[in-house]
Amino acid sequence: MAIISKKIHPEYFEMVKSGKKNFELRLADFEVKEGDTLILEEWNPEIKEYTGRKLEKNIGYILKFDLDKFGQKKEVEEKGLYVISLE
């Protein structure tokens, strides 16, 4: 099991901390597996420094996809994507 640290902006940090945001959307530029630990380190982009606050989360399901997997690359680039949390 790996431990992965990533920056997170204050508004998203608060949403994860409160439980409202229970997902992460990240560029797939690192290795990750179910069962790994994600350390989210609050980052203040205005002063470009860490705040010192951290959250530790266990990684469950991971979905990695290609923008053109369903033949919709143009539409995705124009309209964007939603990530929807199911409760």
Protein backbone atom coordinates (compact mmCIF):
# COMPACT_ATOMS: atom_id res chain seq x y z
CA MET A 1 0.00 0.00 0.00
CA ALA A 2 1.36 3.39 -1.03
CA ILE A 3 1.02 6.77 0.65
CA ILE A 4 0.36 9.56 -1.85
CA SER A 5 0.47 13.28 -0.96
CA LYS A 6 -1.35 15.89 -3.04
CA LYS A 7 -2.10 19.60 -2.69
CA ILE A 8 -5.69 20.73 -2.21
CA HIS A 9 -7.07 24.28 -2.21
CA PRO A 10 -8.74 25.53 1.00
CA GLU A 11 -12.33 25.50 -0.28
CA TYR A 12 -12.02 21.86 -1.38
CA PHE A 13 -10.13 20.92 1.78
CA GLU A 14 -13.11 22.17 3.84
CA MET A 15 -15.60 20.23 1.71
CA VAL A 16 -13.60 16.98 2.10
CA LYS A 17 -13.18 17.63 5.82
CA SER A 18 -16.93 18.15 6.31
CA GLY A 19 -17.78 15.04 4.28
CA LYS A 20 -19.65 16.95 1.57
CA LYS A 21 -17.01 16.14 -1.08
CA ASN A 22 -16.21 12.43 -1.13
CA PHE A 23 -14.30 12.17 -4.40
CA GLU A 24 -11.13 13.52 -6.03
CA LEU A 25 -10.64 14.35 -9.69
CA ARG A 26 -6.92 14.25 -10.48
CA LEU A 27 -4.65 14.18 -13.48
CA ALA A 28 -3.49 10.56 -13.85
CA ASP A 29 0.20 11.45 -13.65
CA PHE A 30 0.94 9.12 -10.72
CA GLU A 31 0.37 5.49 -9.78
CA VAL A 32 -2.56 4.74 -7.48
CA LYS A 33 -4.35 1.57 -6.37
CA GLU A 34 -7.35 0.72 -4.24
CA GLY A 35 -6.24 0.54 -0.62
CA ASP A 36 -3.55 3.23 -0.96
CA THR A 37 -3.65 6.24 1.37
CA LEU A 38 -4.15 9.76 0.04
CA ILE A 39 -2.79 12.62 2.13
CA LEU A 40 -4.47 15.89 1.13
CA GLU A 41 -2.32 18.84 2.17
CA GLU A 42 -4.09 22.20 2.21
CA TRP A 43 -2.35 24.64 -0.13
CA ASN A 44 -3.02 28.37 -0.19
CA PRO A 45 -2.61 29.44 -3.85
CA GLU A 46 -2.60 33.14 -2.97
CA ILE A 47 0.59 32.95 -0.91
CA LYS A 48 1.82 29.71 -2.52
CA GLU A 49 2.37 27.92 0.77
CA TYR A 50 1.02 24.93 2.65
CA THR A 51 -1.22 25.83 5.59
CA GLY A 52 -0.10 22.88 7.70
CA ARG A 53 -3.52 21.20 7.67
CA LYS A 54 -3.75 17.65 6.30
CA LEU A 55 -6.42 15.02 5.76
CA GLU A 56 -5.74 11.31 5.40
CA LYS A 57 -8.16 9.27 3.27
CA ASN A 58 -8.19 5.65 2.18
CA ILE A 59 -8.59 5.14 -1.56
CA GLY A 60 -11.51 3.04 -2.73
CA TYR A 61 -12.72 2.71 -6.30
CA ILE A 62 -10.62 4.38 -9.03
CA LEU A 63 -11.97 5.24 -12.46
CA LYS A 64 -9.44 6.18 -15.13
CA PHE A 65 -10.82 7.12 -18.52
CA ASP A 66 -9.77 8.39 -21.93
CA LEU A 67 -11.50 11.53 -23.22
CA ASP A 68 -12.38 9.77 -26.46
CA LYS A 69 -13.42 6.41 -24.99
CA PHE A 70 -17.01 6.92 -26.12
CA GLY A 71 -16.20 8.92 -29.27
CA GLN A 72 -17.04 12.22 -27.59
CA LYS A 73 -13.69 13.97 -27.28
CA LYS A 74 -14.90 17.13 -29.06
CA GLU A 75 -18.01 17.38 -26.88
CA VAL A 76 -15.99 16.78 -23.70
CA GLU A 77 -13.51 19.51 -24.66
CA GLU A 78 -16.38 21.94 -25.40
CA LYS A 79 -18.70 21.16 -22.48
CA GLY A 80 -16.49 19.60 -19.81
CA LEU A 81 -17.38 16.70 -17.55
CA TYR A 82 -19.32 16.21 -14.34
CA VAL A 83 -18.08 14.01 -11.54
CA ILE A 84 -21.19 12.99 -9.63
CA SER A 85 -21.16 11.68 -6.09
CA LEU A 86 -23.83 9.08 -5.38
CA GLU A 87 -25.33 8.89 -1.90
